[in-house]
């Protein structure tokens, strides 16, 4: 990552200092303290170059819409989550600090602006079919989506109550069993974790509870904008999460870590290079200085030496810091979890965020319906 000083940033952008600071506050340009002068700041050269390129391409309506599709300018207002100054913020609270003590239910209450769901809430509905947690999760959401009433016209309090029941039902589907306790406790029992491992699971669930307008959350909001049942919104989010460029990104990271610990990091990295693939689960566009969720989770888990070497080798080879997908894969290795554990942790935690965004979108009363730029004959 290349950084430049304030004067160079102002010259490249052709703006006044207050405009530069506005870009930083809106998350368009990353900044950090200058290592040689703590009173000054330096700015991401890549962010500035991208901003200049978008401006030069023309800021007509069509150009703005096209640029916004992939990591572009903000396209939707939300009071739920943002990334600011390298930190993930849940309704004004630092997500990493929140994860140090909160349960997923408490994080959900914050995101939904509702009372925290009861940890002893019994799950409702018939048992979901499937031989894996992922299969049962998707089957449960599909069944609920087919039978639940539309969300249109219902208030946030009623939707929050639905969300609490949905979260409890998801836990039953993922674990394949009922029971009482907070989400992390039930999942920890299912995987036979120690108290320490269960606490790491709690922290991970909170860290992945939401992440601004990511693909799965956008899918959930599109469904919510039609008035679809809350379960259908969560199903839309979960469907998007199954893609290898989103929630299943940890699968490649897990494969790398297991091979690196068996044959050594260099052998694993050489195999990746020979196949012409990118090193998995490193770097993040929104975090040029490193993903704080990954840094916190890896710090808390205190990886075994071989696991730590594998993570460091991937970072050194790529020149980028590990992201949350690497951290979830590392957690699975550290706690000896099943292969689908990273996805299930991600989906379980993100359920709270999908529900929050569905409630917010439904409350806006607006249908999400962009126009396409036709390029056919």
Protein backbone atom coordinates (compact mmCIF):
# COMPACT_ATOMS: atom_id res chain seq x y z
CA UNK A 1 0.00 0.00 0.00
CA UNK A 2 1.41 3.39 -1.08
CA UNK A 3 0.78 6.52 0.99
CA UNK A 4 1.32 10.19 0.13
CA UNK A 5 1.37 13.38 2.16
CA UNK A 6 -1.33 16.01 2.36
CA UNK A 7 0.21 18.44 -0.15
CA UNK A 8 0.67 15.71 -2.77
CA UNK A 9 -2.89 14.50 -2.15
CA UNK A 10 -4.30 17.99 -2.60
CA UNK A 11 -2.31 18.49 -5.81
CA UNK A 12 -3.43 15.14 -7.26
CA UNK A 13 -7.08 15.81 -6.46
CA UNK A 14 -7.06 19.52 -7.23
CA UNK A 15 -9.18 20.28 -4.16
CA UNK A 16 -9.03 22.30 -0.96
CA UNK A 17 -8.06 20.69 2.39
CA UNK A 18 -11.64 20.64 3.65
CA UNK A 19 -12.69 18.62 0.57
CA UNK A 20 -9.90 16.13 1.19
CA UNK A 21 -11.04 15.72 4.79
CA UNK A 22 -14.61 15.23 3.59
CA UNK A 23 -13.47 12.43 1.27
CA UNK A 24 -11.73 10.76 4.23
CA UNK A 25 -14.74 11.10 6.52
CA UNK A 26 -16.99 9.55 3.85
CA UNK A 27 -14.66 6.58 3.52
CA UNK A 28 -13.62 7.40 -0.05
CA UNK A 29 -9.94 7.88 0.84
CA UNK A 30 -8.12 5.95 3.56
CA UNK A 31 -5.74 7.81 5.85
CA UNK A 32 -3.44 7.04 8.76
CA UNK A 33 -0.96 8.94 10.95
CA UNK A 34 2.37 9.79 9.36
CA UNK A 35 5.04 7.55 10.92
CA UNK A 36 7.57 10.39 10.74
CA UNK A 37 5.22 13.02 12.16
CA UNK A 38 2.28 11.82 14.33
CA UNK A 39 0.66 15.25 14.02
CA UNK A 40 0.26 14.79 10.26
CA UNK A 41 -1.60 12.26 8.14
CA UNK A 42 -0.83 10.38 4.94
CA UNK A 43 -3.39 9.26 2.38
CA UNK A 44 -3.90 6.20 0.21
CA UNK A 45 -2.45 6.85 -3.23
CA UNK A 46 -4.61 4.08 -4.70
CA UNK A 47 -7.83 5.60 -3.35
CA UNK A 48 -6.86 9.02 -4.70
CA UNK A 49 -5.96 7.60 -8.12
CA UNK A 50 -9.28 5.77 -8.27
CA UNK A 51 -11.21 8.89 -7.32
CA UNK A 52 -9.41 10.96 -9.96
CA UNK A 53 -10.06 8.26 -12.58
CA UNK A 54 -13.78 8.19 -11.81
CA UNK A 55 -13.98 11.97 -12.06
CA UNK A 56 -12.17 12.00 -15.40
CA UNK A 57 -14.47 9.31 -16.79
CA UNK A 58 -17.32 11.80 -16.52
CA UNK A 59 -19.77 12.21 -13.70
CA UNK A 60 -22.90 11.98 -15.76
CA UNK A 61 -25.73 9.92 -14.44
CA UNK A 62 -24.72 6.81 -16.34
CA UNK A 63 -21.05 7.06 -15.34
CA UNK A 64 -21.93 7.48 -11.68
CA UNK A 65 -24.23 4.46 -11.71
CA UNK A 66 -21.68 2.29 -13.50
CA UNK A 67 -18.86 3.23 -11.14
CA UNK A 68 -20.98 2.64 -8.05
CA UNK A 69 -21.67 -1.04 -8.80
CA UNK A 70 -18.27 -2.32 -7.62
CA UNK A 71 -16.62 -0.62 -4.62
CA UNK A 72 -17.74 2.79 -5.89
CA UNK A 73 -19.44 5.75 -4.27
CA UNK A 74 -22.15 5.08 -1.67
CA UNK A 75 -25.53 4.37 -3.28
CA UNK A 76 -27.78 3.85 -0.27
CA UNK A 77 -28.28 5.48 3.13
CA UNK A 78 -28.13 3.35 6.26
CA UNK A 79 -27.80 4.02 9.96
CA UNK A 80 -26.70 0.45 10.73
CA UNK A 81 -23.04 -0.03 9.80
CA UNK A 82 -20.12 1.75 8.20
CA UNK A 83 -16.36 1.45 7.76
CA UNK A 84 -14.64 4.59 9.01
CA UNK A 85 -10.94 5.32 9.56
CA UNK A 86 -10.09 1.63 9.24
CA UNK A 87 -12.70 0.56 11.81
CA UNK A 88 -15.97 -1.33 11.49
CA UNK A 89 -18.76 0.60 13.22
CA UNK A 90 -22.09 -0.83 14.39
CA UNK A 91 -24.50 2.06 15.07
CA UNK A 92 -21.70 4.24 16.38
CA UNK A 93 -19.89 1.47 18.29
CA UNK A 94 -16.55 -0.10 17.36
CA UNK A 95 -17.39 -3.69 16.35
CA UNK A 96 -14.06 -5.05 17.62
CA UNK A 97 -14.59 -3.51 21.05
CA UNK A 98 -18.18 -4.76 21.08
CA UNK A 99 -17.02 -8.30 20.26
CA UNK A 100 -14.79 -8.38 23.33
CA UNK A 101 -17.84 -8.79 25.60
CA UNK A 102 -21.12 -8.96 23.67
CA UNK A 103 -23.11 -11.98 22.54
CA UNK A 104 -24.58 -12.28 19.06
CA UNK A 105 -27.99 -11.63 20.61
CA UNK A 106 -26.74 -8.37 22.12
CA UNK A 107 -25.18 -7.35 18.81
CA UNK A 108 -28.48 -8.12 17.10
CA UNK A 109 -30.34 -5.96 19.61
CA UNK A 110 -28.00 -3.08 18.82
CA UNK A 111 -28.35 -3.52 15.06
CA UNK A 112 -32.14 -3.95 15.23
CA UNK A 113 -32.59 -1.24 17.90
CA UNK A 114 -34.71 -3.71 19.85
CA UNK A 115 -34.57 -5.64 23.13
CA UNK A 116 -32.05 -8.47 23.10
CA UNK A 117 -33.55 -11.86 22.16
CA UNK A 118 -33.87 -14.25 25.08
CA UNK A 119 -31.08 -16.85 25.20
CA UNK A 120 -33.59 -19.49 26.32
CA UNK A 121 -36.04 -18.79 23.49
CA UNK A 122 -37.37 -22.11 22.12
CA UNK A 123 -37.12 -22.63 18.39
CA UNK A 124 -40.37 -22.89 16.45
CA UNK A 125 -41.31 -24.71 13.26
CA UNK A 126 -40.59 -28.18 11.97
CA UNK A 127 -37.12 -29.68 11.95
CA UNK A 128 -35.10 -28.79 8.86
CA UNK A 129 -33.95 -31.62 6.60
CA UNK A 130 -30.35 -32.02 5.46
CA UNK A 131 -27.18 -33.92 6.29
CA UNK A 132 -25.02 -30.81 6.84
CA UNK A 133 -25.47 -27.58 8.74
CA UNK A 134 -25.42 -25.61 5.49
CA UNK A 135 -28.11 -27.81 3.91
CA UNK A 136 -30.31 -27.57 7.00
CA UNK A 137 -29.84 -23.79 7.17
CA UNK A 138 -30.94 -23.25 3.57
CA UNK A 139 -33.83 -25.71 3.93
CA UNK A 140 -35.04 -24.02 7.11
CA UNK A 141 -34.99 -20.55 5.54
CA UNK A 142 -36.71 -21.79 2.38
CA UNK A 143 -39.49 -23.43 4.39
CA UNK A 144 -40.00 -20.32 6.50
CA UNK A 145 -39.94 -18.10 3.41
CA UNK A 146 -42.68 -20.21 1.83
CA UNK A 147 -45.01 -19.99 4.83
CA UNK A 148 -44.30 -16.74 6.69
CA UNK A 149 -46.41 -13.61 6.06
CA UNK A 150 -45.01 -10.69 4.04
CA UNK A 151 -43.04 -8.07 5.92
CA UNK A 152 -44.78 -5.23 4.08
CA UNK A 153 -46.70 -2.92 6.40
CA UNK A 154 -45.46 -4.50 9.61
CA UNK A 155 -43.70 -2.32 12.18
CA UNK A 156 -40.10 -2.64 13.27
CA UNK A 157 -41.10 -4.07 16.67
CA UNK A 158 -43.03 -6.94 15.06
CA UNK A 159 -40.22 -7.58 12.60
CA UNK A 160 -37.67 -7.61 15.42
CA UNK A 161 -39.75 -10.25 17.21
CA UNK A 162 -39.85 -12.26 13.99
CA UNK A 163 -36.09 -11.79 13.71
CA UNK A 164 -35.52 -13.16 17.20
CA UNK A 165 -37.54 -16.29 16.38
CA UNK A 166 -35.72 -16.62 13.06
CA UNK A 167 -32.29 -16.38 14.72
CA UNK A 168 -33.22 -19.10 17.23
CA UNK A 169 -34.55 -21.31 14.45
CA UNK A 170 -31.38 -20.82 12.42
CA UNK A 171 -29.31 -22.03 15.37
CA UNK A 172 -31.48 -25.15 15.62
CA UNK A 173 -31.07 -25.76 11.88
CA UNK A 174 -27.29 -25.28 11.94
CA UNK A 175 -26.76 -27.53 14.96
CA UNK A 176 -29.48 -30.03 14.10
CA UNK A 177 -30.67 -29.94 17.72
CA UNK A 178 -32.77 -27.80 20.01
CA UNK A 179 -31.65 -26.63 23.43
CA UNK A 180 -31.22 -23.49 25.44
CA UNK A 181 -28.54 -20.87 25.75
CA UNK A 182 -26.99 -18.10 23.70
CA UNK A 183 -26.20 -18.83 20.07
CA UNK A 184 -22.47 -19.31 20.71
CA UNK A 185 -23.16 -21.66 23.61
CA UNK A 186 -25.45 -23.89 21.55
CA UNK A 187 -23.03 -23.94 18.63
CA UNK A 188 -20.10 -24.54 20.96
CA UNK A 189 -21.86 -27.56 22.49
CA UNK A 190 -22.63 -28.87 19.00
CA UNK A 191 -18.93 -28.76 18.09
CA UNK A 192 -17.74 -29.98 21.50
CA UNK A 193 -15.73 -26.85 22.28
CA UNK A 194 -14.07 -25.90 25.53
CA UNK A 195 -15.18 -22.72 27.36
CA UNK A 196 -12.26 -20.86 25.76
CA UNK A 197 -13.13 -22.09 22.29
CA UNK A 198 -16.79 -21.21 22.82
CA UNK A 199 -15.79 -17.68 23.81
CA UNK A 200 -13.72 -17.30 20.64
CA UNK A 201 -16.79 -18.41 18.72
CA UNK A 202 -18.85 -15.72 20.47
CA UNK A 203 -16.37 -13.05 19.42
CA UNK A 204 -16.27 -14.27 15.82
CA UNK A 205 -20.07 -14.23 15.53
CA UNK A 206 -20.20 -10.60 16.65
CA UNK A 207 -17.35 -9.56 14.34
CA UNK A 208 -19.18 -10.86 11.25
CA UNK A 209 -22.67 -9.69 12.28
CA UNK A 210 -22.71 -6.96 9.63
CA UNK A 211 -20.47 -5.25 7.10
CA UNK A 212 -22.18 -2.36 5.38
CA UNK A 213 -23.60 -2.99 1.87
CA UNK A 214 -21.84 -6.25 0.97
CA UNK A 215 -23.33 -8.52 -1.76
CA UNK A 216 -25.40 -10.71 0.57
CA UNK A 217 -26.76 -7.74 2.50
CA UNK A 218 -27.67 -5.98 -0.74
CA UNK A 219 -29.50 -9.13 -1.84
CA UNK A 220 -31.38 -9.19 1.46
CA UNK A 221 -32.32 -5.52 1.09
CA UNK A 222 -33.60 -6.04 -2.47
CA UNK A 223 -35.86 -8.82 -1.20
CA UNK A 224 -36.99 -6.67 1.74
CA UNK A 225 -37.83 -3.79 -0.60
CA UNK A 226 -40.49 -5.99 -2.24
CA UNK A 227 -42.16 -6.69 1.11
CA UNK A 228 -40.98 -10.31 1.16
CA UNK A 229 -41.08 -12.25 4.45
CA UNK A 230 -38.11 -11.74 6.73
CA UNK A 231 -37.04 -15.35 6.20
CA UNK A 232 -37.06 -14.78 2.42
CA UNK A 233 -34.77 -11.76 2.89
CA UNK A 234 -32.39 -13.89 4.97
CA UNK A 235 -32.59 -16.65 2.36
CA UNK A 236 -31.63 -14.18 -0.37
CA UNK A 237 -28.65 -13.09 1.72
CA UNK A 238 -27.65 -16.67 2.48
CA UNK A 239 -27.87 -17.63 -1.19
CA UNK A 240 -25.47 -14.82 -2.11
CA UNK A 241 -23.18 -15.88 0.72
CA UNK A 242 -22.67 -19.34 -0.83
CA UNK A 243 -20.54 -17.88 -3.62
CA UNK A 244 -16.75 -18.45 -3.57
CA UNK A 245 -16.13 -14.70 -3.82
CA UNK A 246 -18.12 -14.03 -0.65
CA UNK A 247 -18.97 -16.38 2.23
CA UNK A 248 -17.18 -19.40 0.81
CA UNK A 249 -13.90 -17.50 0.41
CA UNK A 250 -12.78 -19.10 3.67
CA UNK A 251 -12.90 -22.54 2.03
CA UNK A 252 -9.82 -21.76 -0.07
CA UNK A 253 -8.10 -20.20 2.92
CA UNK A 254 -8.84 -23.31 4.97
CA UNK A 255 -7.40 -25.55 2.25
CA UNK A 256 -4.25 -23.39 2.12
CA UNK A 257 -3.77 -23.41 5.90
CA UNK A 258 -4.21 -27.17 6.17
CA UNK A 259 -1.70 -27.80 3.37
CA UNK A 260 0.73 -25.22 4.74
CA UNK A 261 0.69 -26.88 8.15
CA UNK A 262 1.22 -30.31 6.55
CA UNK A 263 3.84 -29.56 3.87
CA UNK A 264 5.06 -26.11 4.90
CA UNK A 265 3.92 -22.62 3.81
CA UNK A 266 6.31 -22.35 0.88
CA UNK A 267 5.09 -25.60 -0.67
CA UNK A 268 1.48 -24.49 -0.28
CA UNK A 269 2.20 -21.07 -1.77
CA UNK A 270 4.15 -22.60 -4.66
CA UNK A 271 1.15 -24.76 -5.49
CA UNK A 272 -1.09 -21.70 -5.55
CA UNK A 273 1.35 -19.87 -7.85
CA UNK A 274 1.67 -22.89 -10.15
CA UNK A 275 -2.09 -22.96 -10.62
CA UNK A 276 -2.09 -19.26 -11.44
CA UNK A 277 -4.34 -18.47 -8.49
CA UNK A 278 -4.34 -15.57 -6.07
CA UNK A 279 -3.31 -16.15 -2.48
CA UNK A 280 -6.64 -16.54 -0.68
CA UNK A 281 -8.13 -14.37 2.04
CA UNK A 282 -5.63 -11.51 2.10
CA UNK A 283 -6.30 -7.82 1.55
CA UNK A 284 -9.58 -5.93 1.62
CA UNK A 285 -10.59 -2.91 -0.45
CA UNK A 286 -12.24 -1.18 2.52
CA UNK A 287 -9.25 -1.75 4.80
CA UNK A 288 -6.02 -0.65 3.08
CA UNK A 289 -4.19 -0.86 6.42
CA UNK A 290 -5.59 -4.29 7.28
CA UNK A 291 -8.92 -5.84 8.28
CA UNK A 292 -9.46 -5.05 11.98
CA UNK A 293 -11.81 -8.03 12.38
CA UNK A 294 -9.10 -10.44 11.27
CA UNK A 295 -6.40 -8.77 13.34
CA UNK A 296 -8.54 -8.95 16.49
CA UNK A 297 -9.70 -12.54 16.02
CA UNK A 298 -6.19 -13.82 15.25
CA UNK A 299 -4.83 -11.94 18.26
CA UNK A 300 -7.51 -13.38 20.54
CA UNK A 301 -7.06 -16.97 19.37
CA UNK A 302 -3.25 -16.94 19.87
CA UNK A 303 -2.57 -19.27 16.92
CA UNK A 304 -0.34 -22.30 17.31
CA UNK A 305 3.19 -21.64 15.91
CA UNK A 306 2.65 -23.59 12.66
CA UNK A 307 -0.67 -21.87 12.04
CA UNK A 308 0.82 -18.46 12.75
CA UNK A 309 3.68 -19.14 10.30
CA UNK A 310 1.19 -20.12 7.59
CA UNK A 311 -0.76 -16.88 8.03
CA UNK A 312 2.40 -14.75 8.08
CA UNK A 313 3.74 -16.49 4.96
CA UNK A 314 0.56 -15.67 3.02
CA UNK A 315 0.76 -12.05 4.16
CA UNK A 316 4.46 -11.77 3.23
CA UNK A 317 3.98 -13.37 -0.19
CA UNK A 318 1.01 -11.16 -1.07
CA UNK A 319 2.13 -7.96 0.61
CA UNK A 320 -1.33 -7.68 2.17
CA UNK A 321 -2.76 -8.42 5.61
CA UNK A 322 -5.03 -11.37 6.33
CA UNK A 323 -8.74 -10.58 6.10
CA UNK A 324 -11.66 -12.00 8.06
CA UNK A 325 -11.96 -15.03 5.74
CA UNK A 326 -8.42 -16.07 6.70
CA UNK A 327 -9.23 -15.48 10.36
CA UNK A 328 -12.33 -17.70 10.22
CA UNK A 329 -10.33 -20.42 8.48
CA UNK A 330 -7.59 -20.09 11.10
CA UNK A 331 -10.18 -20.33 13.88
CA UNK A 332 -11.49 -23.55 12.34
CA UNK A 333 -7.97 -25.01 12.28
CA UNK A 334 -7.20 -23.86 15.81
CA UNK A 335 -10.41 -25.33 17.25
CA UNK A 336 -10.45 -28.40 14.94
CA UNK A 337 -13.86 -27.51 13.52
CA UNK A 338 -15.54 -29.21 10.54
CA UNK A 339 -14.92 -28.07 6.97
CA UNK A 340 -18.14 -26.06 6.73
CA UNK A 341 -17.55 -24.23 10.02
CA UNK A 342 -16.27 -20.94 8.47
CA UNK A 343 -19.39 -20.63 6.33
CA UNK A 344 -21.71 -21.53 9.20
CA UNK A 345 -20.06 -19.01 11.54
CA UNK A 346 -20.26 -16.34 8.85
CA UNK A 347 -23.89 -17.08 8.00
CA UNK A 348 -24.92 -17.35 11.64
CA UNK A 349 -23.43 -14.01 12.60
CA UNK A 350 -24.49 -12.22 9.43
CA UNK A 351 -28.08 -13.31 10.04
CA UNK A 352 -28.28 -10.46 12.56
CA UNK A 353 -27.14 -7.97 9.93
CA UNK A 354 -29.47 -9.25 7.21
CA UNK A 355 -32.42 -8.91 9.55
CA UNK A 356 -31.34 -5.39 10.56
CA UNK A 357 -31.08 -4.27 6.93
CA UNK A 358 -34.37 -5.92 6.03
CA UNK A 359 -36.10 -4.01 8.86
CA UNK A 360 -34.49 -0.73 7.81
CA UNK A 361 -35.32 -1.25 4.12
CA UNK A 362 -38.91 -2.25 4.82
CA UNK A 363 -39.31 0.85 6.96
CA UNK A 364 -38.22 3.08 4.07
CA UNK A 365 -41.12 1.89 1.92
CA UNK A 366 -38.95 2.10 -1.19
CA UNK A 367 -38.60 -0.55 -3.89
CA UNK A 368 -35.03 -1.17 -5.08
CA UNK A 369 -35.33 -1.26 -8.85
CA UNK A 370 -32.32 0.11 -10.81
CA UNK A 371 -32.34 0.42 -14.61
CA UNK A 372 -30.05 -1.59 -16.91
CA UNK A 373 -27.78 -0.07 -19.54
CA UNK A 374 -28.77 -2.08 -22.62
CA UNK A 375 -25.81 -3.08 -24.83
CA UNK A 376 -27.54 -5.58 -27.14
CA UNK A 377 -28.61 -5.23 -30.74
